[in-house]
Amino acid sequence: MKEVEYPAMTVKQLADRWGVSCKTVREWLKPFEMEIGPRVGNIYSPHQVKIILSKLE
């Protein structure tokens, strides 16, 4: 079974995925900030996106 590959994503891309605002996504992510870790520039790494999606979907 092949493991799913996740793309690097911005907050805007995550917001578009769920049809909400960037502010809403940032609020949703607050409880998980320590687990997710800091963004590099404006982008969450593929590993961070995997964590985010596992928490929010």
Protein backbone atom coordinates (compact mmCIF):
# COMPACT_ATOMS: atom_id res chain seq x y z
CA MET A 1 0.00 0.00 0.00
CA LYS A 2 1.46 3.33 -1.09
CA GLU A 3 1.63 6.12 1.47
CA VAL A 4 -0.13 9.37 0.56
CA GLU A 5 2.21 12.23 -0.33
CA TYR A 6 1.23 15.66 0.93
CA PRO A 7 2.18 18.94 -0.77
CA ALA A 8 3.63 21.94 1.03
CA MET A 9 0.78 24.42 1.57
CA THR A 10 0.15 27.99 2.66
CA VAL A 11 -2.57 29.07 5.08
CA LYS A 12 -4.46 30.46 2.07
CA GLN A 13 -4.38 27.08 0.33
CA LEU A 14 -5.64 25.36 3.48
CA ALA A 15 -8.40 27.97 3.81
CA ASP A 16 -9.44 27.43 0.18
CA ARG A 17 -9.52 23.66 0.78
CA TRP A 18 -12.20 24.08 3.46
CA GLY A 19 -13.90 27.19 2.09
CA VAL A 20 -13.09 29.36 5.11
CA SER A 21 -10.96 32.44 5.78
CA CYS A 22 -7.26 32.41 6.61
CA LYS A 23 -8.14 33.81 10.04
CA THR A 24 -10.40 30.81 10.69
CA VAL A 25 -7.65 28.35 9.73
CA ARG A 26 -5.19 30.09 12.05
CA GLU A 27 -7.73 29.83 14.90
CA TRP A 28 -8.27 26.13 14.18
CA LEU A 29 -4.50 25.51 14.25
CA LYS A 30 -3.81 27.32 17.54
CA PRO A 31 -4.37 24.26 19.77
CA PHE A 32 -1.88 22.28 17.67
CA GLU A 33 0.89 24.90 17.23
CA MET A 34 3.44 23.02 19.36
CA GLU A 35 2.87 19.76 17.48
CA ILE A 36 2.82 21.38 14.02
CA GLY A 37 5.85 23.61 14.57
CA PRO A 38 6.72 26.90 12.88
CA ARG A 39 6.22 27.57 9.19
CA VAL A 40 9.24 28.12 7.01
CA GLY A 41 8.50 31.50 5.53
CA ASN A 42 4.84 31.36 4.54
CA ILE A 43 4.62 27.62 3.90
CA TYR A 44 3.84 24.54 5.95
CA SER A 45 6.06 21.60 4.96
CA PRO A 46 4.54 18.35 3.67
CA HIS A 47 5.09 16.77 7.10
CA GLN A 48 3.30 19.69 8.79
CA VAL A 49 0.43 19.45 6.28
CA LYS A 50 0.08 15.74 7.14
CA ILE A 51 -0.25 16.64 10.84
CA ILE A 52 -2.71 19.46 10.11
CA LEU A 53 -4.95 17.28 7.96
CA SER A 54 -4.90 14.48 10.53
CA LYS A 55 -6.08 16.93 13.19
CA LEU A 56 -8.72 18.79 11.19
CA GLU A 57 -10.25 16.19 8.88
